[in-house]
Amino acid sequence: MMLQSPFYHGAWQDRYSGLCAQRIIELEEENARIVVEQNDVLESQRIRKVSADLQESQREILMKFTRWPFTPDSPIHTTIIELK
């Protein structure tokens, strides 16, 4: 529903939040064999902290995240979400 919503909640369009949520699911389910329920995703694949920067002029969202376990020295990963 978020991907089709024309509304804003805060500064972001619902669609942008939906795209971020969709990407988080894809990242967490990477390397999983079959995901039927939440317990099928390993804890080590879980994303724990996210920051996202909307770059409308480039038609993308730059999302940075850390995986479980979150500690101050956890590696920061980056993914780009294209705005379609």
PDB file of N, CA and C in Angstrom:
ATOM      1  N   MET A   1       0.812  -1.192   0.000  1.00  0.00           N
ATOM      2  CA  MET A   1       0.000   0.000   0.000  1.00  0.00           C
ATOM      3  C   MET A   1       0.860   1.264   0.000  1.00  0.00           C
ATOM      4  N   MET A   2       1.954   1.223   0.737  1.00  0.00           N
ATOM      5  CA  MET A   2       2.806   2.404   0.811  1.00  0.00           C
ATOM      6  C   MET A   2       3.365   2.774  -0.560  1.00  0.00           C
ATOM      7  N   LEU A   3       3.671   1.780  -1.364  1.00  0.00           N
ATOM      8  CA  LEU A   3       4.266   2.036  -2.672  1.00  0.00           C
ATOM      9  C   LEU A   3       3.308   2.765  -3.612  1.00  0.00           C
ATOM     10  N   GLN A   4       2.021   2.678  -3.338  1.00  0.00           N
ATOM     11  CA  GLN A   4       1.019   3.309  -4.193  1.00  0.00           C
ATOM     12  C   GLN A   4       0.413   4.561  -3.570  1.00  0.00           C
ATOM     13  N   SER A   5       0.810   4.897  -2.371  1.00  0.00           N
ATOM     14  CA  SER A   5       0.226   6.035  -1.659  1.00  0.00           C
ATOM     15  C   SER A   5       0.780   7.364  -2.176  1.00  0.00           C
ATOM     16  N   PRO A   6      -0.088   8.349  -2.402  1.00  0.00           N
ATOM     17  CA  PRO A   6       0.375   9.675  -2.823  1.00  0.00           C
ATOM     18  C   PRO A   6       0.664  10.592  -1.628  1.00  0.00           C
ATOM     19  N   PHE A   7       0.497  10.081  -0.402  1.00  0.00           N
ATOM     20  CA  PHE A   7       0.576  10.919   0.789  1.00  0.00           C
ATOM     21  C   PHE A   7       1.988  11.023   1.354  1.00  0.00           C
ATOM     22  N   TYR A   8       2.151  11.995   2.218  1.00  0.00           N
ATOM     23  CA  TYR A   8       3.395  12.217   2.949  1.00  0.00           C
ATOM     24  C   TYR A   8       3.118  11.963   4.429  1.00  0.00           C
ATOM     25  N   HIS A   9       4.085  11.419   5.120  1.00  0.00           N
ATOM     26  CA  HIS A   9       4.079  11.350   6.580  1.00  0.00           C
ATOM     27  C   HIS A   9       5.420  11.924   7.003  1.00  0.00           C
ATOM     28  N   GLY A  10       5.397  13.116   7.537  1.00  0.00           N
ATOM     29  CA  GLY A  10       6.633  13.835   7.796  1.00  0.00           C
ATOM     30  C   GLY A  10       7.136  14.411   6.484  1.00  0.00           C
ATOM     31  N   ALA A  11       8.422  14.368   6.269  1.00  0.00           N
ATOM     32  CA  ALA A  11       9.030  14.965   5.076  1.00  0.00           C
ATOM     33  C   ALA A  11       9.049  14.011   3.877  1.00  0.00           C
ATOM     34  N   TRP A  12       8.793  12.748   4.114  1.00  0.00           N
ATOM     35  CA  TRP A  12       8.911  11.735   3.057  1.00  0.00           C
ATOM     36  C   TRP A  12       7.565  11.340   2.490  1.00  0.00           C
ATOM     37  N   GLN A  13       7.562  11.030   1.198  1.00  0.00           N
ATOM     38  CA  GLN A  13       6.389  10.403   0.602  1.00  0.00           C
ATOM     39  C   GLN A  13       6.305   8.974   1.116  1.00  0.00           C
ATOM     40  N   ASP A  14       5.084   8.505   1.298  1.00  0.00           N
ATOM     41  CA  ASP A  14       4.906   7.113   1.721  1.00  0.00           C
ATOM     42  C   ASP A  14       5.609   6.156   0.769  1.00  0.00           C
ATOM     43  N   ARG A  15       5.594   6.476  -0.517  1.00  0.00           N
ATOM     44  CA  ARG A  15       6.210   5.619  -1.523  1.00  0.00           C
ATOM     45  C   ARG A  15       7.703   5.432  -1.241  1.00  0.00           C
ATOM     46  N   TYR A  16       8.373   6.495  -0.823  1.00  0.00           N
ATOM     47  CA  TYR A  16       9.803   6.403  -0.533  1.00  0.00           C
ATOM     48  C   TYR A  16      10.048   5.518   0.692  1.00  0.00           C
ATOM     49  N   SER A  17       9.215   5.665   1.699  1.00  0.00           N
ATOM     50  CA  SER A  17       9.337   4.797   2.882  1.00  0.00           C
ATOM     51  C   SER A  17       9.085   3.349   2.497  1.00  0.00           C
ATOM     52  N   GLY A  18       8.116   3.125   1.625  1.00  0.00           N
ATOM     53  CA  GLY A  18       7.818   1.773   1.153  1.00  0.00           C
ATOM     54  C   GLY A  18       8.979   1.169   0.381  1.00  0.00           C
ATOM     55  N   LEU A  19       9.644   1.976  -0.444  1.00  0.00           N
ATOM     56  CA  LEU A  19      10.811   1.490  -1.189  1.00  0.00           C
ATOM     57  C   LEU A  19      11.943   1.105  -0.242  1.00  0.00           C
ATOM     58  N   CYS A  20      12.136   1.899   0.820  1.00  0.00           N
ATOM     59  CA  CYS A  20      13.166   1.577   1.821  1.00  0.00           C
ATOM     60  C   CYS A  20      12.815   0.281   2.549  1.00  0.00           C
ATOM     61  N   ALA A  21      11.565   0.141   2.943  1.00  0.00           N
ATOM     62  CA  ALA A  21      11.126  -1.073   3.640  1.00  0.00           C
ATOM     63  C   ALA A  21      11.306  -2.299   2.744  1.00  0.00           C
ATOM     64  N   GLN A  22      10.945  -2.161   1.475  1.00  0.00           N
ATOM     65  CA  GLN A  22      11.102  -3.247   0.520  1.00  0.00           C
ATOM     66  C   GLN A  22      12.576  -3.649   0.379  1.00  0.00           C
ATOM     67  N   ARG A  23      13.460  -2.671   0.324  1.00  0.00           N
ATOM     68  CA  ARG A  23      14.898  -2.963   0.193  1.00  0.00           C
ATOM     69  C   ARG A  23      15.442  -3.640   1.446  1.00  0.00           C
ATOM     70  N   ILE A  24      14.973  -3.205   2.622  1.00  0.00           N
ATOM     71  CA  ILE A  24      15.399  -3.833   3.875  1.00  0.00           C
ATOM     72  C   ILE A  24      15.010  -5.310   3.877  1.00  0.00           C
ATOM     73  N   ILE A  25      13.800  -5.615   3.438  1.00  0.00           N
ATOM     74  CA  ILE A  25      13.357  -7.009   3.376  1.00  0.00           C
ATOM     75  C   ILE A  25      14.250  -7.799   2.429  1.00  0.00           C
ATOM     76  N   GLU A  26      14.535  -7.227   1.257  1.00  0.00           N
ATOM     77  CA  GLU A  26      15.420  -7.909   0.292  1.00  0.00           C
ATOM     78  C   GLU A  26      16.788  -8.193   0.904  1.00  0.00           C
ATOM     79  N   LEU A  27      17.355  -7.208   1.587  1.00  0.00           N
ATOM     80  CA  LEU A  27      18.678  -7.382   2.189  1.00  0.00           C
ATOM     81  C   LEU A  27      18.660  -8.437   3.291  1.00  0.00           C
ATOM     82  N   GLU A  28      17.624  -8.420   4.113  1.00  0.00           N
ATOM     83  CA  GLU A  28      17.558  -9.401   5.201  1.00  0.00           C
ATOM     84  C   GLU A  28      17.351 -10.816   4.681  1.00  0.00           C
ATOM     85  N   GLU A  29      16.638 -10.954   3.572  1.00  0.00           N
ATOM     86  CA  GLU A  29      16.339 -12.281   3.043  1.00  0.00           C
ATOM     87  C   GLU A  29      17.408 -12.802   2.082  1.00  0.00           C
ATOM     88  N   GLU A  30      18.423 -11.978   1.794  1.00  0.00           N
ATOM     89  CA  GLU A  30      19.533 -12.447   0.964  1.00  0.00           C
ATOM     90  C   GLU A  30      20.160 -13.669   1.610  1.00  0.00           C
ATOM     91  N   ASN A  31      20.523 -14.625   0.819  1.00  0.00           N
ATOM     92  CA  ASN A  31      21.187 -15.846   1.283  1.00  0.00           C
ATOM     93  C   ASN A  31      20.289 -16.774   2.096  1.00  0.00           C
ATOM     94  N   ALA A  32      19.033 -16.420   2.270  1.00  0.00           N
ATOM     95  CA  ALA A  32      18.111 -17.330   2.955  1.00  0.00           C
ATOM     96  C   ALA A  32      17.585 -18.312   1.914  1.00  0.00           C
ATOM     97  N   ARG A  33      17.420 -19.519   2.303  1.00  0.00           N
ATOM     98  CA  ARG A  33      16.923 -20.520   1.342  1.00  0.00           C
ATOM     99  C   ARG A  33      15.467 -20.244   1.020  1.00  0.00           C
ATOM    100  N   ILE A  34      14.606 -20.511   1.946  1.00  0.00           N
ATOM    101  CA  ILE A  34      13.176 -20.259   1.765  1.00  0.00           C
ATOM    102  C   ILE A  34      12.702 -19.502   3.002  1.00  0.00           C
ATOM    103  N   VAL A  35      12.035 -18.388   2.775  1.00  0.00           N
ATOM    104  CA  VAL A  35      11.522 -17.597   3.893  1.00  0.00           C
ATOM    105  C   VAL A  35      10.006 -17.750   3.925  1.00  0.00           C
ATOM    106  N   VAL A  36       9.535 -18.428   4.973  1.00  0.00           N
ATOM    107  CA  VAL A  36       8.110 -18.631   5.162  1.00  0.00           C
ATOM    108  C   VAL A  36       7.633 -17.809   6.352  1.00  0.00           C
ATOM    109  N   GLU A  37       8.483 -17.731   7.355  1.00  0.00           N
ATOM    110  CA  GLU A  37       8.145 -16.958   8.547  1.00  0.00           C
ATOM    111  C   GLU A  37       9.383 -16.219   9.026  1.00  0.00           C
ATOM    112  N   GLN A  38       9.176 -15.307   9.975  1.00  0.00           N
ATOM    113  CA  GLN A  38      10.275 -14.440  10.406  1.00  0.00           C
ATOM    114  C   GLN A  38      11.470 -15.193  10.960  1.00  0.00           C
ATOM    115  N   ASN A  39      11.275 -16.333  11.543  1.00  0.00           N
ATOM    116  CA  ASN A  39      12.383 -17.110  12.107  1.00  0.00           C
ATOM    117  C   ASN A  39      13.293 -17.707  11.040  1.00  0.00           C
ATOM    118  N   ASP A  40      12.871 -17.650   9.777  1.00  0.00           N
ATOM    119  CA  ASP A  40      13.698 -18.168   8.691  1.00  0.00           C
ATOM    120  C   ASP A  40      14.820 -17.217   8.309  1.00  0.00           C
ATOM    121  N   VAL A  41      14.784 -15.984   8.803  1.00  0.00           N
ATOM    122  CA  VAL A  41      15.843 -15.002   8.536  1.00  0.00           C
ATOM    123  C   VAL A  41      16.811 -15.040   9.721  1.00  0.00           C
ATOM    124  N   LEU A  42      18.076 -15.291   9.423  1.00  0.00           N
ATOM    125  CA  LEU A  42      19.087 -15.393  10.477  1.00  0.00           C
ATOM    126  C   LEU A  42      19.277 -14.053  11.188  1.00  0.00           C
ATOM    127  N   GLU A  43      19.578 -14.098  12.461  1.00  0.00           N
ATOM    128  CA  GLU A  43      19.836 -12.871  13.223  1.00  0.00           C
ATOM    129  C   GLU A  43      20.981 -12.076  12.617  1.00  0.00           C
ATOM    130  N   SER A  44      21.972 -12.768  12.088  1.00  0.00           N
ATOM    131  CA  SER A  44      23.125 -12.080  11.506  1.00  0.00           C
ATOM    132  C   SER A  44      22.753 -11.301  10.243  1.00  0.00           C
ATOM    133  N   GLN A  45      21.606 -11.593   9.658  1.00  0.00           N
ATOM    134  CA  GLN A  45      21.125 -10.874   8.472  1.00  0.00           C
ATOM    135  C   GLN A  45      20.226  -9.692   8.834  1.00  0.00           C
ATOM    136  N   ARG A  46      19.790  -9.630  10.070  1.00  0.00           N
ATOM    137  CA  ARG A  46      18.858  -8.576  10.488  1.00  0.00           C
ATOM    138  C   ARG A  46      19.524  -7.206  10.432  1.00  0.00           C
ATOM    139  N   ILE A  47      18.775  -6.242   9.949  1.00  0.00           N
ATOM    140  CA  ILE A  47      19.254  -4.868   9.889  1.00  0.00           C
ATOM    141  C   ILE A  47      18.797  -4.168  11.166  1.00  0.00           C
ATOM    142  N   ARG A  48      19.731  -3.481  11.818  1.00  0.00           N
ATOM    143  CA  ARG A  48      19.449  -2.902  13.126  1.00  0.00           C
ATOM    144  C   ARG A  48      19.365  -1.387  13.147  1.00  0.00           C
ATOM    145  N   LYS A  49      20.057  -0.730  12.261  1.00  0.00           N
ATOM    146  CA  LYS A  49      20.027   0.730  12.272  1.00  0.00           C
ATOM    147  C   LYS A  49      20.087   1.205  10.832  1.00  0.00           C
ATOM    148  N   VAL A  50      19.226   2.176  10.490  1.00  0.00           N
ATOM    149  CA  VAL A  50      19.135   2.661   9.123  1.00  0.00           C
ATOM    150  C   VAL A  50      19.135   4.181   9.111  1.00  0.00           C
ATOM    151  N   SER A  51      19.834   4.741   8.144  1.00  0.00           N
ATOM    152  CA  SER A  51      19.675   6.164   7.840  1.00  0.00           C
ATOM    153  C   SER A  51      19.511   6.247   6.331  1.00  0.00           C
ATOM    154  N   ALA A  52      18.695   7.176   5.889  1.00  0.00           N
ATOM    155  CA  ALA A  52      18.425   7.287   4.465  1.00  0.00           C
ATOM    156  C   ALA A  52      18.463   8.759   4.069  1.00  0.00           C
ATOM    157  N   ASP A  53      19.044   8.996   2.905  1.00  0.00           N
ATOM    158  CA  ASP A  53      19.173  10.353   2.378  1.00  0.00           C
ATOM    159  C   ASP A  53      18.529  10.397   1.002  1.00  0.00           C
ATOM    160  N   LEU A  54      17.462  11.147   0.895  1.00  0.00           N
ATOM    161  CA  LEU A  54      16.753  11.285  -0.371  1.00  0.00           C
ATOM    162  C   LEU A  54      17.528  12.225  -1.279  1.00  0.00           C
ATOM    163  N   GLN A  55      17.852  11.746  -2.473  1.00  0.00           N
ATOM    164  CA  GLN A  55      18.567  12.546  -3.455  1.00  0.00           C
ATOM    165  C   GLN A  55      17.691  12.616  -4.702  1.00  0.00           C
ATOM    166  N   GLU A  56      16.659  13.482  -4.615  1.00  0.00           N
ATOM    167  CA  GLU A  56      15.673  13.539  -5.691  1.00  0.00           C
ATOM    168  C   GLU A  56      16.280  13.935  -7.033  1.00  0.00           C
ATOM    169  N   SER A  57      17.266  14.816  -7.027  1.00  0.00           N
ATOM    170  CA  SER A  57      17.866  15.244  -8.294  1.00  0.00           C
ATOM    171  C   SER A  57      18.541  14.072  -9.017  1.00  0.00           C
ATOM    172  N   GLN A  58      18.998  13.104  -8.247  1.00  0.00           N
ATOM    173  CA  GLN A  58      19.636  11.921  -8.833  1.00  0.00           C
ATOM    174  C   GLN A  58      18.653  10.754  -8.926  1.00  0.00           C
ATOM    175  N   ARG A  59      17.428  10.998  -8.488  1.00  0.00           N
ATOM    176  CA  ARG A  59      16.359   9.999  -8.520  1.00  0.00           C
ATOM    177  C   ARG A  59      16.745   8.728  -7.758  1.00  0.00           C
ATOM    178  N   GLU A  60      17.257   8.937  -6.518  1.00  0.00           N
ATOM    179  CA  GLU A  60      17.648   7.787  -5.709  1.00  0.00           C
ATOM    180  C   GLU A  60      17.609   8.127  -4.216  1.00  0.00           C
ATOM    181  N   ILE A  61      17.584   7.068  -3.437  1.00  0.00           N
ATOM    182  CA  ILE A  61      17.708   7.164  -1.978  1.00  0.00           C
ATOM    183  C   ILE A  61      18.998   6.435  -1.625  1.00  0.00           C
ATOM    184  N   LEU A  62      19.859   7.106  -0.898  1.00  0.00           N
ATOM    185  CA  LEU A  62      21.093   6.498  -0.416  1.00  0.00           C
ATOM    186  C   LEU A  62      20.815   6.017   1.005  1.00  0.00           C
ATOM    187  N   MET A  63      20.811   4.706   1.205  1.00  0.00           N
ATOM    188  CA  MET A  63      20.482   4.143   2.507  1.00  0.00           C
ATOM    189  C   MET A  63      21.719   3.499   3.102  1.00  0.00           C
ATOM    190  N   LYS A  64      22.013   3.854   4.337  1.00  0.00           N
ATOM    191  CA  LYS A  64      23.127   3.250   5.087  1.00  0.00           C
ATOM    192  C   LYS A  64      22.521   2.442   6.224  1.00  0.00           C
ATOM    193  N   PHE A  65      23.170   1.314   6.526  1.00  0.00           N
ATOM    194  CA  PHE A  65      22.611   0.446   7.561  1.00  0.00           C
ATOM    195  C   PHE A  65      23.698  -0.375   8.223  1.00  0.00           C
ATOM    196  N   THR A  66      23.383  -0.884   9.396  1.00  0.00           N
ATOM    197  CA  THR A  66      24.237  -1.841  10.092  1.00  0.00           C
ATOM    198  C   THR A  66      23.420  -3.104  10.344  1.00  0.00           C
ATOM    199  N   ARG A  67      24.119  -4.183  10.482  1.00  0.00           N
ATOM    200  CA  ARG A  67      23.462  -5.466  10.757  1.00  0.00           C
ATOM    201  C   ARG A  67      23.623  -5.817  12.237  1.00  0.00           C
ATOM    202  N   TRP A  68      22.950  -6.854  12.637  1.00  0.00           N
ATOM    203  CA  TRP A  68      23.023  -7.359  13.997  1.00  0.00           C
ATOM    204  C   TRP A  68      24.393  -7.976  14.214  1.00  0.00           C
ATOM    205  N   PRO A  69      25.005  -7.916  15.338  1.00  0.00           N
ATOM    206  CA  PRO A  69      24.616  -7.098  16.490  1.00  0.00           C
ATOM    207  C   PRO A  69      25.103  -5.665  16.308  1.00  0.00           C
ATOM    208  N   PHE A  70      24.308  -4.730  16.714  1.00  0.00           N
ATOM    209  CA  PHE A  70      24.677  -3.331  16.559  1.00  0.00           C
ATOM    210  C   PHE A  70      25.565  -2.905  17.709  1.00  0.00           C
ATOM    211  N   THR A  71      26.768  -2.464  17.364  1.00  0.00           N
ATOM    212  CA  THR A  71      27.696  -1.901  18.338  1.00  0.00           C
ATOM    213  C   THR A  71      28.252  -0.618  17.721  1.00  0.00           C
ATOM    214  N   PRO A  72      28.854   0.246  18.522  1.00  0.00           N
ATOM    215  CA  PRO A  72      29.390   1.497  17.971  1.00  0.00           C
ATOM    216  C   PRO A  72      30.411   1.298  16.843  1.00  0.00           C
ATOM    217  N   ASP A  73      31.080   0.149  16.810  1.00  0.00           N
ATOM    218  CA  ASP A  73      32.065  -0.078  15.755  1.00  0.00           C
ATOM    219  C   ASP A  73      31.572  -1.057  14.676  1.00  0.00           C
ATOM    220  N   SER A  74      30.255  -1.276  14.607  1.00  0.00           N
ATOM    221  CA  SER A  74      29.686  -2.136  13.565  1.00  0.00           C
ATOM    222  C   SER A  74      29.957  -1.543  12.189  1.00  0.00           C
ATOM    223  N   PRO A  75      30.243  -2.392  11.201  1.00  0.00           N
ATOM    224  CA  PRO A  75      30.452  -1.866   9.851  1.00  0.00           C
ATOM    225  C   PRO A  75      29.171  -1.230   9.307  1.00  0.00           C
ATOM    226  N   ILE A  76      29.352  -0.177   8.536  1.00  0.00           N
ATOM    227  CA  ILE A  76      28.221   0.508   7.910  1.00  0.00           C
ATOM    228  C   ILE A  76      28.196   0.114   6.441  1.00  0.00           C
ATOM    229  N   HIS A  77      27.046  -0.388   6.006  1.00  0.00           N
ATOM    230  CA  HIS A  77      26.849  -0.806   4.623  1.00  0.00           C
ATOM    231  C   HIS A  77      26.014   0.255   3.913  1.00  0.00           C
ATOM    232  N   THR A  78      26.155   0.327   2.599  1.00  0.00           N
ATOM    233  CA  THR A  78      25.418   1.307   1.813  1.00  0.00           C
ATOM    234  C   THR A  78      24.710   0.615   0.663  1.00  0.00           C
ATOM    235  N   THR A  79      23.489   1.034   0.388  1.00  0.00           N
ATOM    236  CA  THR A  79      22.746   0.566  -0.776  1.00  0.00           C
ATOM    237  C   THR A  79      22.036   1.752  -1.401  1.00  0.00           C
ATOM    238  N   ILE A  80      21.846   1.691  -2.688  1.00  0.00           N
ATOM    239  CA  ILE A  80      21.148   2.754  -3.395  1.00  0.00           C
ATOM    240  C   ILE A  80      19.807   2.210  -3.882  1.00  0.00           C
ATOM    241  N   ILE A  81      18.765   2.982  -3.623  1.00  0.00           N
ATOM    242  CA  ILE A  81      17.421   2.618  -4.045  1.00  0.00           C
ATOM    243  C   ILE A  81      16.998   3.590  -5.132  1.00  0.00           C
ATOM    244  N   GLU A  82      16.753   3.066  -6.313  1.00  0.00           N
ATOM    245  CA  GLU A  82      16.344   3.919  -7.422  1.00  0.00           C
ATOM    246  C   GLU A  82      14.887   4.322  -7.266  1.00  0.00           C
ATOM    247  N   LEU A  83      14.602   5.586  -7.539  1.00  0.00           N
ATOM    248  CA  LEU A  83      13.234   6.078  -7.527  1.00  0.00           C
ATOM    249  C   LEU A  83      12.656   5.861  -8.917  1.00  0.00           C
ATOM    250  N   LYS A  84      11.701   5.000  -9.002  1.00  0.00           N
ATOM    251  CA  LYS A  84      11.126   4.634 -10.304  1.00  0.00           C
ATOM    252  C   LYS A  84       9.971   5.531 -10.655  1.00  0.00           C
TER     253      LYS A  84
END
